[in-house]
PDB file of N, CA and C in Angstrom:
ATOM      1  N   UNK A   1     -13.855  89.987 -73.346  1.00  0.00           N
ATOM      2  CA  UNK A   1     -12.531  90.842 -73.914  1.00  0.00           C
ATOM      3  C   UNK A   1     -12.966  91.850 -74.859  1.00  0.00           C
ATOM      4  N   UNK A   2     -11.911  92.446 -74.397  1.00  0.00           N
ATOM      5  CA  UNK A   2     -11.922  94.245 -75.144  1.00  0.00           C
ATOM      6  C   UNK A   2     -11.580  94.114 -76.553  1.00  0.00           C
ATOM      7  N   UNK A   3     -11.782  95.067 -77.157  1.00  0.00           N
ATOM      8  CA  UNK A   3     -11.570  95.319 -78.575  1.00  0.00           C
ATOM      9  C   UNK A   3      -9.821  95.289 -78.632  1.00  0.00           C
ATOM     10  N   UNK A   4      -9.339  94.817 -79.543  1.00  0.00           N
ATOM     11  CA  UNK A   4      -8.321  94.418 -79.869  1.00  0.00           C
ATOM     12  C   UNK A   4      -7.302  95.668 -79.800  1.00  0.00           C
ATOM     13  N   UNK A   5      -7.972  96.556 -80.778  1.00  0.00           N
ATOM     14  CA  UNK A   5      -7.615  98.160 -81.347  1.00  0.00           C
ATOM     15  C   UNK A   5      -7.384  98.536 -79.938  1.00  0.00           C
ATOM     16  N   UNK A   6      -8.719  98.771 -79.011  1.00  0.00           N
ATOM     17  CA  UNK A   6      -8.640  99.394 -78.096  1.00  0.00           C
ATOM     18  C   UNK A   6      -7.089  99.183 -76.686  1.00  0.00           C
ATOM     19  N   UNK A   7      -7.215  97.710 -76.737  1.00  0.00           N
ATOM     20  CA  UNK A   7      -6.095  97.500 -76.021  1.00  0.00           C
ATOM     21  C   UNK A   7      -4.687  98.148 -76.625  1.00  0.00           C
ATOM     22  N   UNK A   8      -4.359  98.034 -77.856  1.00  0.00           N
ATOM     23  CA  UNK A   8      -2.777  98.527 -78.548  1.00  0.00           C
ATOM     24  C   UNK A   8      -2.599 100.056 -78.616  1.00  0.00           C
ATOM     25  N   UNK A   9      -4.071 100.562 -78.428  1.00  0.00           N
ATOM     26  CA  UNK A   9      -4.241 102.212 -78.682  1.00  0.00           C
ATOM     27  C   UNK A   9      -3.760 102.806 -77.246  1.00  0.00           C
ATOM     28  N   UNK A  10      -3.907 101.756 -76.205  1.00  0.00           N
ATOM     29  CA  UNK A  10      -3.955 102.383 -74.639  1.00  0.00           C
ATOM     30  C   UNK A  10      -2.352 101.803 -74.489  1.00  0.00           C
ATOM     31  N   UNK A  11      -1.726 100.855 -75.192  1.00  0.00           N
ATOM     32  CA  UNK A  11      -0.507 100.764 -75.182  1.00  0.00           C
ATOM     33  C   UNK A  11       0.762 101.450 -75.608  1.00  0.00           C
ATOM     34  N   UNK A  12       0.109 101.586 -76.542  1.00  0.00           N
ATOM     35  CA  UNK A  12       0.766 103.104 -77.501  1.00  0.00           C
ATOM     36  C   UNK A  12       0.858 104.398 -76.940  1.00  0.00           C
ATOM     37  N   UNK A  13      -0.487 104.716 -76.132  1.00  0.00           N
ATOM     38  CA  UNK A  13      -0.437 106.102 -75.678  1.00  0.00           C
ATOM     39  C   UNK A  13       1.001 105.783 -73.996  1.00  0.00           C
ATOM     40  N   UNK A  14       0.557 104.636 -73.408  1.00  0.00           N
ATOM     41  CA  UNK A  14       1.805 103.988 -72.205  1.00  0.00           C
ATOM     42  C   UNK A  14       2.951 104.594 -72.661  1.00  0.00           C
ATOM     43  N   UNK A  15       3.652 104.407 -74.124  1.00  0.00           N
ATOM     44  CA  UNK A  15       4.996 104.241 -74.580  1.00  0.00           C
ATOM     45  C   UNK A  15       5.104 105.705 -74.564  1.00  0.00           C
ATOM     46  N   UNK A  16       4.458 106.566 -75.595  1.00  0.00           N
ATOM     47  CA  UNK A  16       4.348 108.038 -75.706  1.00  0.00           C
ATOM     48  C   UNK A  16       4.280 108.843 -74.389  1.00  0.00           C
ATOM     49  N   UNK A  17       3.478 108.474 -73.291  1.00  0.00           N
ATOM     50  CA  UNK A  17       4.016 108.963 -72.120  1.00  0.00           C
ATOM     51  C   UNK A  17       5.028 108.704 -71.619  1.00  0.00           C
ATOM     52  N   UNK A  18       5.526 107.915 -71.651  1.00  0.00           N
ATOM     53  CA  UNK A  18       7.157 107.472 -71.014  1.00  0.00           C
ATOM     54  C   UNK A  18       8.110 108.115 -72.084  1.00  0.00           C
ATOM     55  N   UNK A  19       8.004 107.963 -72.896  1.00  0.00           N
ATOM     56  CA  UNK A  19       8.861 108.930 -74.001  1.00  0.00           C
ATOM     57  C   UNK A  19       8.770 110.592 -73.687  1.00  0.00           C
ATOM     58  N   UNK A  20       7.747 111.039 -73.449  1.00  0.00           N
ATOM     59  CA  UNK A  20       7.435 112.727 -73.503  1.00  0.00           C
ATOM     60  C   UNK A  20       7.818 113.050 -72.078  1.00  0.00           C
ATOM     61  N   UNK A  21       7.803 111.900 -70.565  1.00  0.00           N
ATOM     62  CA  UNK A  21       7.467 112.332 -69.627  1.00  0.00           C
ATOM     63  C   UNK A  21       8.855 113.540 -69.034  1.00  0.00           C
ATOM     64  N   UNK A  22       9.774 113.430 -69.405  1.00  0.00           N
ATOM     65  CA  UNK A  22      11.139 114.410 -69.123  1.00  0.00           C
ATOM     66  C   UNK A  22      10.635 115.704 -69.837  1.00  0.00           C
ATOM     67  N   UNK A  23      10.149 115.748 -70.930  1.00  0.00           N
ATOM     68  CA  UNK A  23      10.150 116.775 -71.665  1.00  0.00           C
ATOM     69  C   UNK A  23       9.040 117.814 -70.933  1.00  0.00           C
ATOM     70  N   UNK A  24       7.754 117.020 -70.687  1.00  0.00           N
ATOM     71  CA  UNK A  24       6.756 117.000 -70.130  1.00  0.00           C
ATOM     72  C   UNK A  24       7.183 118.201 -68.898  1.00  0.00           C
ATOM     73  N   UNK A  25       7.405 117.281 -68.084  1.00  0.00           N
ATOM     74  CA  UNK A  25       7.711 118.126 -66.722  1.00  0.00           C
ATOM     75  C   UNK A  25       8.581 119.358 -67.004  1.00  0.00           C
ATOM     76  N   UNK A  26       9.414 118.881 -67.584  1.00  0.00           N
ATOM     77  CA  UNK A  26      10.579 120.258 -67.661  1.00  0.00           C
ATOM     78  C   UNK A  26       9.988 121.549 -68.370  1.00  0.00           C
ATOM     79  N   UNK A  27       9.153 121.462 -69.357  1.00  0.00           N
ATOM     80  CA  UNK A  27       8.315 122.432 -69.567  1.00  0.00           C
ATOM     81  C   UNK A  27       7.052 123.382 -68.663  1.00  0.00           C
ATOM     82  N   UNK A  28       6.463 121.772 -67.960  1.00  0.00           N
ATOM     83  CA  UNK A  28       5.604 122.634 -66.868  1.00  0.00           C
ATOM     84  C   UNK A  28       6.007 123.329 -65.886  1.00  0.00           C
ATOM     85  N   UNK A  29       7.563 122.407 -65.437  1.00  0.00           N
ATOM     86  CA  UNK A  29       8.259 123.576 -64.489  1.00  0.00           C
ATOM     87  C   UNK A  29       8.491 125.089 -65.036  1.00  0.00           C
ATOM     88  N   UNK A  30       8.666 125.470 -66.138  1.00  0.00           N
ATOM     89  CA  UNK A  30       9.081 126.414 -66.581  1.00  0.00           C
ATOM     90  C   UNK A  30       7.634 127.194 -66.462  1.00  0.00           C
ATOM     91  N   UNK A  31       6.721 126.719 -66.946  1.00  0.00           N
ATOM     92  CA  UNK A  31       5.361 127.298 -67.396  1.00  0.00           C
ATOM     93  C   UNK A  31       5.132 127.694 -65.940  1.00  0.00           C
ATOM     94  N   UNK A  32       5.041 127.157 -64.918  1.00  0.00           N
ATOM     95  CA  UNK A  32       4.504 127.405 -63.665  1.00  0.00           C
ATOM     96  C   UNK A  32       5.593 128.253 -62.950  1.00  0.00           C
ATOM     97  N   UNK A  33       6.426 128.808 -63.281  1.00  0.00           N
ATOM     98  CA  UNK A  33       7.810 129.048 -62.339  1.00  0.00           C
ATOM     99  C   UNK A  33       7.457 130.460 -62.542  1.00  0.00           C
ATOM    100  N   UNK A  34       6.671 131.726 -61.325  1.00  0.00           N
ATOM    101  CA  UNK A  34       6.504 132.423 -60.841  1.00  0.00           C
ATOM    102  C   UNK A  34       7.455 133.426 -61.434  1.00  0.00           C
ATOM    103  N   UNK A  35       8.290 133.068 -61.253  1.00  0.00           N
ATOM    104  CA  UNK A  35       9.632 133.984 -61.057  1.00  0.00           C
ATOM    105  C   UNK A  35      10.300 134.680 -62.249  1.00  0.00           C
ATOM    106  N   UNK A  36       9.435 133.438 -63.380  1.00  0.00           N
ATOM    107  CA  UNK A  36      10.476 133.825 -64.786  1.00  0.00           C
ATOM    108  C   UNK A  36       9.554 135.081 -65.442  1.00  0.00           C
ATOM    109  N   UNK A  37      10.150 135.455 -66.699  1.00  0.00           N
ATOM    110  CA  UNK A  37       9.060 136.704 -67.320  1.00  0.00           C
ATOM    111  C   UNK A  37       7.891 135.972 -67.928  1.00  0.00           C
ATOM    112  N   UNK A  38       6.665 136.684 -68.090  1.00  0.00           N
ATOM    113  CA  UNK A  38       5.731 135.852 -68.791  1.00  0.00           C
ATOM    114  C   UNK A  38       5.943 135.655 -69.783  1.00  0.00           C
ATOM    115  N   UNK A  39       6.812 136.093 -70.835  1.00  0.00           N
ATOM    116  CA  UNK A  39       6.860 135.705 -72.331  1.00  0.00           C
ATOM    117  C   UNK A  39       7.583 134.462 -72.151  1.00  0.00           C
ATOM    118  N   UNK A  40       8.794 133.886 -71.164  1.00  0.00           N
ATOM    119  CA  UNK A  40       8.994 132.577 -71.440  1.00  0.00           C
ATOM    120  C   UNK A  40       8.163 131.719 -70.917  1.00  0.00           C
ATOM    121  N   UNK A  41       7.082 132.204 -69.990  1.00  0.00           N
ATOM    122  CA  UNK A  41       6.218 130.972 -69.394  1.00  0.00           C
ATOM    123  C   UNK A  41       5.306 130.694 -70.708  1.00  0.00           C
ATOM    124  N   UNK A  42       5.060 132.107 -71.701  1.00  0.00           N
ATOM    125  CA  UNK A  42       3.564 131.833 -72.337  1.00  0.00           C
ATOM    126  C   UNK A  42       4.733 130.823 -73.671  1.00  0.00           C
ATOM    127  N   UNK A  43       6.136 131.108 -73.799  1.00  0.00           N
ATOM    128  CA  UNK A  43       6.389 130.247 -75.053  1.00  0.00           C
ATOM    129  C   UNK A  43       6.662 128.729 -74.418  1.00  0.00           C
ATOM    130  N   UNK A  44       6.895 128.567 -72.747  1.00  0.00           N
ATOM    131  CA  UNK A  44       6.801 127.043 -72.675  1.00  0.00           C
ATOM    132  C   UNK A  44       5.502 126.412 -72.625  1.00  0.00           C
ATOM    133  N   UNK A  45       4.259 127.201 -72.958  1.00  0.00           N
ATOM    134  CA  UNK A  45       3.134 126.885 -72.830  1.00  0.00           C
ATOM    135  C   UNK A  45       2.610 126.601 -74.054  1.00  0.00           C
ATOM    136  N   UNK A  46       3.362 127.100 -75.154  1.00  0.00           N
ATOM    137  CA  UNK A  46       3.166 126.925 -76.520  1.00  0.00           C
ATOM    138  C   UNK A  46       3.696 125.681 -77.099  1.00  0.00           C
ATOM    139  N   UNK A  47       5.072 125.721 -76.415  1.00  0.00           N
ATOM    140  CA  UNK A  47       5.882 124.328 -76.694  1.00  0.00           C
ATOM    141  C   UNK A  47       4.858 123.149 -75.968  1.00  0.00           C
ATOM    142  N   UNK A  48       4.428 123.206 -74.801  1.00  0.00           N
ATOM    143  CA  UNK A  48       3.607 122.081 -74.295  1.00  0.00           C
ATOM    144  C   UNK A  48       2.450 121.616 -75.398  1.00  0.00           C
ATOM    145  N   UNK A  49       1.984 123.096 -75.728  1.00  0.00           N
ATOM    146  CA  UNK A  49       0.708 122.403 -76.690  1.00  0.00           C
ATOM    147  C   UNK A  49       1.039 121.942 -78.000  1.00  0.00           C
ATOM    148  N   UNK A  50       2.441 121.957 -78.254  1.00  0.00           N
ATOM    149  CA  UNK A  50       3.236 121.122 -80.070  1.00  0.00           C
ATOM    150  C   UNK A  50       2.895 120.021 -79.311  1.00  0.00           C
ATOM    151  N   UNK A  51       3.499 119.327 -78.282  1.00  0.00           N
ATOM    152  CA  UNK A  51       3.590 118.030 -77.799  1.00  0.00           C
ATOM    153  C   UNK A  51       2.277 117.070 -78.103  1.00  0.00           C
ATOM    154  N   UNK A  52       2.993 115.665 -78.445  1.00  0.00           N
ATOM    155  CA  UNK A  52       1.559 115.033 -79.077  1.00  0.00           C
ATOM    156  C   UNK A  52       0.283 115.168 -77.536  1.00  0.00           C
ATOM    157  N   UNK A  53      -0.586 114.759 -77.898  1.00  0.00           N
ATOM    158  CA  UNK A  53      -1.370 114.876 -77.126  1.00  0.00           C
ATOM    159  C   UNK A  53      -1.622 113.476 -76.018  1.00  0.00           C
ATOM    160  N   UNK A  54      -1.189 112.384 -76.660  1.00  0.00           N
ATOM    161  CA  UNK A  54      -1.200 111.126 -76.498  1.00  0.00           C
ATOM    162  C   UNK A  54       0.140 111.222 -75.221  1.00  0.00           C
ATOM    163  N   UNK A  55       0.423 111.998 -75.130  1.00  0.00           N
ATOM    164  CA  UNK A  55       1.953 112.026 -74.505  1.00  0.00           C
ATOM    165  C   UNK A  55       1.893 112.517 -73.007  1.00  0.00           C
ATOM    166  N   UNK A  56       0.233 112.697 -72.727  1.00  0.00           N
ATOM    167  CA  UNK A  56      -0.297 113.614 -71.402  1.00  0.00           C
ATOM    168  C   UNK A  56      -0.513 111.895 -70.944  1.00  0.00           C
ATOM    169  N   UNK A  57      -0.334 112.126 -69.073  1.00  0.00           N
ATOM    170  CA  UNK A  57      -0.560 110.471 -68.793  1.00  0.00           C
ATOM    171  C   UNK A  57      -2.046 110.839 -68.383  1.00  0.00           C
ATOM    172  N   UNK A  58      -2.679 111.618 -68.283  1.00  0.00           N
ATOM    173  CA  UNK A  58      -3.880 111.664 -68.230  1.00  0.00           C
ATOM    174  C   UNK A  58      -5.057 110.884 -69.051  1.00  0.00           C
ATOM    175  N   UNK A  59      -4.275 110.811 -70.138  1.00  0.00           N
ATOM    176  CA  UNK A  59      -5.113 110.127 -71.597  1.00  0.00           C
ATOM    177  C   UNK A  59      -4.683 108.642 -71.327  1.00  0.00           C
ATOM    178  N   UNK A  60      -4.008 107.873 -70.397  1.00  0.00           N
ATOM    179  CA  UNK A  60      -3.806 106.236 -70.193  1.00  0.00           C
ATOM    180  C   UNK A  60      -5.172 105.790 -69.494  1.00  0.00           C
ATOM    181  N   UNK A  61      -5.502 105.043 -70.323  1.00  0.00           N
ATOM    182  CA  UNK A  61      -6.734 104.414 -69.397  1.00  0.00           C
ATOM    183  C   UNK A  61      -6.392 102.996 -68.600  1.00  0.00           C
ATOM    184  N   UNK A  62      -6.731 102.862 -66.918  1.00  0.00           N
ATOM    185  CA  UNK A  62      -6.663 101.637 -66.346  1.00  0.00           C
ATOM    186  C   UNK A  62      -7.315 100.651 -67.189  1.00  0.00           C
ATOM    187  N   UNK A  63      -6.682  99.201 -67.654  1.00  0.00           N
ATOM    188  CA  UNK A  63      -7.143  98.445 -68.279  1.00  0.00           C
ATOM    189  C   UNK A  63      -7.038  97.194 -67.145  1.00  0.00           C
ATOM    190  N   UNK A  64      -7.620  96.112 -67.423  1.00  0.00           N
ATOM    191  CA  UNK A  64      -7.152  94.855 -67.076  1.00  0.00           C
ATOM    192  C   UNK A  64      -6.374  94.028 -67.751  1.00  0.00           C
ATOM    193  N   UNK A  65      -5.311  93.320 -67.136  1.00  0.00           N
ATOM    194  CA  UNK A  65      -4.329  93.089 -67.856  1.00  0.00           C
ATOM    195  C   UNK A  65      -4.767  91.752 -68.350  1.00  0.00           C
ATOM    196  N   UNK A  66      -5.748  90.716 -68.212  1.00  0.00           N
ATOM    197  CA  UNK A  66      -5.970  89.722 -68.811  1.00  0.00           C
ATOM    198  C   UNK A  66      -7.152  90.026 -69.780  1.00  0.00           C
ATOM    199  N   UNK A  67      -8.206  90.979 -69.533  1.00  0.00           N
ATOM    200  CA  UNK A  67      -9.080  90.885 -70.287  1.00  0.00           C
ATOM    201  C   UNK A  67      -9.646  92.345 -70.960  1.00  0.00           C
ATOM    202  N   UNK A  68      -8.408  93.247 -70.574  1.00  0.00           N
ATOM    203  CA  UNK A  68      -8.788  94.545 -71.012  1.00  0.00           C
ATOM    204  C   UNK A  68      -9.832  94.960 -70.926  1.00  0.00           C
ATOM    205  N   UNK A  69     -10.218  94.797 -70.164  1.00  0.00           N
ATOM    206  CA  UNK A  69     -11.654  95.567 -69.600  1.00  0.00           C
ATOM    207  C   UNK A  69     -11.121  96.894 -68.689  1.00  0.00           C
ATOM    208  N   UNK A  70     -11.985  98.048 -69.512  1.00  0.00           N
ATOM    209  CA  UNK A  70     -11.660  99.618 -69.184  1.00  0.00           C
ATOM    210  C   UNK A  70     -12.317  99.857 -67.679  1.00  0.00           C
ATOM    211  N   UNK A  71     -13.267  98.934 -67.317  1.00  0.00           N
ATOM    212  CA  UNK A  71     -14.019  99.127 -65.917  1.00  0.00           C
ATOM    213  C   UNK A  71     -14.000  98.356 -64.792  1.00  0.00           C
ATOM    214  N   UNK A  72     -13.622  99.130 -63.597  1.00  0.00           N
ATOM    215  CA  UNK A  72     -14.043  98.194 -62.781  1.00  0.00           C
ATOM    216  C   UNK A  72     -12.584  97.228 -62.221  1.00  0.00           C
ATOM    217  N   UNK A  73     -11.326  98.306 -62.768  1.00  0.00           N
ATOM    218  CA  UNK A  73     -10.024  97.770 -62.361  1.00  0.00           C
ATOM    219  C   UNK A  73      -9.480  98.152 -61.062  1.00  0.00           C
ATOM    220  N   UNK A  74      -9.135  97.203 -60.626  1.00  0.00           N
ATOM    221  CA  UNK A  74      -8.284  97.418 -59.066  1.00  0.00           C
ATOM    222  C   UNK A  74      -6.886  97.805 -59.636  1.00  0.00           C
ATOM    223  N   UNK A  75      -6.394  98.806 -59.028  1.00  0.00           N
ATOM    224  CA  UNK A  75      -5.218  99.432 -59.423  1.00  0.00           C
ATOM    225  C   UNK A  75      -3.940  98.496 -59.073  1.00  0.00           C
ATOM    226  N   UNK A  76      -4.030  98.211 -57.362  1.00  0.00           N
ATOM    227  CA  UNK A  76      -3.238  97.321 -56.913  1.00  0.00           C
ATOM    228  C   UNK A  76      -3.151  95.767 -57.808  1.00  0.00           C
ATOM    229  N   UNK A  77      -3.934  95.367 -57.900  1.00  0.00           N
ATOM    230  CA  UNK A  77      -3.524  93.936 -58.724  1.00  0.00           C
ATOM    231  C   UNK A  77      -3.504  94.246 -60.452  1.00  0.00           C
ATOM    232  N   UNK A  78      -3.903  95.003 -60.920  1.00  0.00           N
ATOM    233  CA  UNK A  78      -4.259  95.633 -62.395  1.00  0.00           C
ATOM    234  C   UNK A  78      -5.206  94.385 -63.206  1.00  0.00           C
ATOM    235  N   UNK A  79      -6.095  93.786 -62.483  1.00  0.00           N
ATOM    236  CA  UNK A  79      -6.963  93.393 -62.570  1.00  0.00           C
ATOM    237  C   UNK A  79      -8.550  93.664 -62.332  1.00  0.00           C
ATOM    238  N   UNK A  80      -9.657  93.536 -63.346  1.00  0.00           N
ATOM    239  CA  UNK A  80     -10.850  93.804 -63.066  1.00  0.00           C
ATOM    240  C   UNK A  80     -10.980  93.069 -62.101  1.00  0.00           C
ATOM    241  N   UNK A  81     -12.694  93.376 -61.999  1.00  0.00           N
ATOM    242  CA  UNK A  81     -13.154  92.885 -60.492  1.00  0.00           C
ATOM    243  C   UNK A  81     -13.714  91.315 -61.056  1.00  0.00           C
ATOM    244  N   UNK A  82     -13.931  91.398 -62.019  1.00  0.00           N
ATOM    245  CA  UNK A  82     -14.262  89.923 -62.606  1.00  0.00           C
ATOM    246  C   UNK A  82     -13.236  88.900 -62.677  1.00  0.00           C
ATOM    247  N   UNK A  83     -12.550  89.493 -63.254  1.00  0.00           N
ATOM    248  CA  UNK A  83     -10.833  88.994 -63.371  1.00  0.00           C
ATOM    249  C   UNK A  83     -10.328  88.034 -61.971  1.00  0.00           C
ATOM    250  N   UNK A  84     -10.491  89.266 -61.075  1.00  0.00           N
ATOM    251  CA  UNK A  84      -9.997  88.982 -59.702  1.00  0.00           C
ATOM    252  C   UNK A  84     -10.771  88.110 -58.841  1.00  0.00           C
ATOM    253  N   UNK A  85     -12.265  88.062 -59.353  1.00  0.00           N
ATOM    254  CA  UNK A  85     -12.897  87.202 -58.311  1.00  0.00           C
ATOM    255  C   UNK A  85     -12.804  85.988 -58.658  1.00  0.00           C
ATOM    256  N   UNK A  86     -12.590  86.071 -60.209  1.00  0.00           N
ATOM    257  CA  UNK A  86     -12.333  84.199 -60.431  1.00  0.00           C
ATOM    258  C   UNK A  86     -10.864  83.620 -60.399  1.00  0.00           C
ATOM    259  N   UNK A  87     -10.037  84.478 -60.364  1.00  0.00           N
ATOM    260  CA  UNK A  87      -8.421  83.965 -59.669  1.00  0.00           C
ATOM    261  C   UNK A  87      -8.870  83.978 -58.322  1.00  0.00           C
ATOM    262  N   UNK A  88      -9.081  84.775 -57.425  1.00  0.00           N
ATOM    263  CA  UNK A  88      -9.227  84.603 -56.036  1.00  0.00           C
ATOM    264  C   UNK A  88     -10.115  83.170 -55.855  1.00  0.00           C
ATOM    265  N   UNK A  89     -11.155  82.545 -56.604  1.00  0.00           N
ATOM    266  CA  UNK A  89     -11.935  81.531 -56.587  1.00  0.00           C
ATOM    267  C   UNK A  89     -11.041  80.105 -56.543  1.00  0.00           C
ATOM    268  N   UNK A  90     -10.150  80.765 -57.410  1.00  0.00           N
ATOM    269  CA  UNK A  90      -9.359  79.117 -57.779  1.00  0.00           C
ATOM    270  C   UNK A  90      -8.044  79.124 -56.985  1.00  0.00           C
ATOM    271  N   UNK A  91      -8.370  80.086 -56.156  1.00  0.00           N
ATOM    272  CA  UNK A  91      -6.704  80.214 -55.191  1.00  0.00           C
ATOM    273  C   UNK A  91      -5.651  80.701 -55.691  1.00  0.00           C
ATOM    274  N   UNK A  92      -5.577  81.546 -56.879  1.00  0.00           N
ATOM    275  CA  UNK A  92      -4.383  81.636 -57.675  1.00  0.00           C
ATOM    276  C   UNK A  92      -3.732  83.341 -57.370  1.00  0.00           C
ATOM    277  N   UNK A  93      -4.763  84.116 -55.931  1.00  0.00           N
ATOM    278  CA  UNK A  93      -3.979  85.234 -55.381  1.00  0.00           C
ATOM    279  C   UNK A  93      -3.591  84.950 -54.357  1.00  0.00           C
ATOM    280  N   UNK A  94      -2.448  85.068 -53.749  1.00  0.00           N
ATOM    281  CA  UNK A  94      -2.014  84.393 -52.362  1.00  0.00           C
ATOM    282  C   UNK A  94      -2.802  85.191 -51.206  1.00  0.00           C
ATOM    283  N   UNK A  95      -3.407  84.763 -50.230  1.00  0.00           N
ATOM    284  CA  UNK A  95      -3.842  85.714 -49.236  1.00  0.00           C
ATOM    285  C   UNK A  95      -5.559  85.786 -49.555  1.00  0.00           C
ATOM    286  N   UNK A  96      -5.663  85.684 -50.650  1.00  0.00           N
ATOM    287  CA  UNK A  96      -7.196  86.352 -50.978  1.00  0.00           C
ATOM    288  C   UNK A  96      -8.261  85.148 -50.720  1.00  0.00           C
ATOM    289  N   UNK A  97      -9.081  85.354 -50.345  1.00  0.00           N
ATOM    290  CA  UNK A  97     -10.228  83.777 -50.466  1.00  0.00           C
ATOM    291  C   UNK A  97     -11.477  84.400 -50.356  1.00  0.00           C
ATOM    292  N   UNK A  98     -12.469  84.391 -50.889  1.00  0.00           N
ATOM    293  CA  UNK A  98     -13.320  84.521 -51.431  1.00  0.00           C
ATOM    294  C   UNK A  98     -14.301  84.112 -50.042  1.00  0.00           C
ATOM    295  N   UNK A  99     -15.328  85.117 -49.696  1.00  0.00           N
ATOM    296  CA  UNK A  99     -15.999  85.197 -48.758  1.00  0.00           C
ATOM    297  C   UNK A  99     -17.306  84.625 -49.160  1.00  0.00           C
ATOM    298  N   UNK A 100     -17.946  83.875 -48.374  1.00  0.00           N
ATOM    299  CA  UNK A 100     -19.384  83.323 -48.390  1.00  0.00           C
ATOM    300  C   UNK A 100     -19.834  83.086 -46.769  1.00  0.00           C
ATOM    301  N   UNK A 101     -20.984  83.416 -46.692  1.00  0.00           N
ATOM    302  CA  UNK A 101     -21.635  83.225 -45.517  1.00  0.00           C
ATOM    303  C   UNK A 101     -23.158  83.067 -45.578  1.00  0.00           C
TER     304      UNK A 101
END
């Protein structure tokens, strides 16, 4: 089980990303628009820098929904490899069978 503080911090980041997504997208569009003057683009870059860093999507860490484990997480299931194997072994995931040979 991961530290509760790390899980909470990641949840907080997800919330900030959702709140800031529209504003960040608008500023990025202005900053990358080559038809605008360099001054306007530079101002957009400055406003982007003023936004909270945790509002950036790249700072969110994929974690297991059950254990909070940060590594070995399958995006499709949002589970770590260990939790996925345990659930597959007891038949909790439809269509998935643990292989043995």
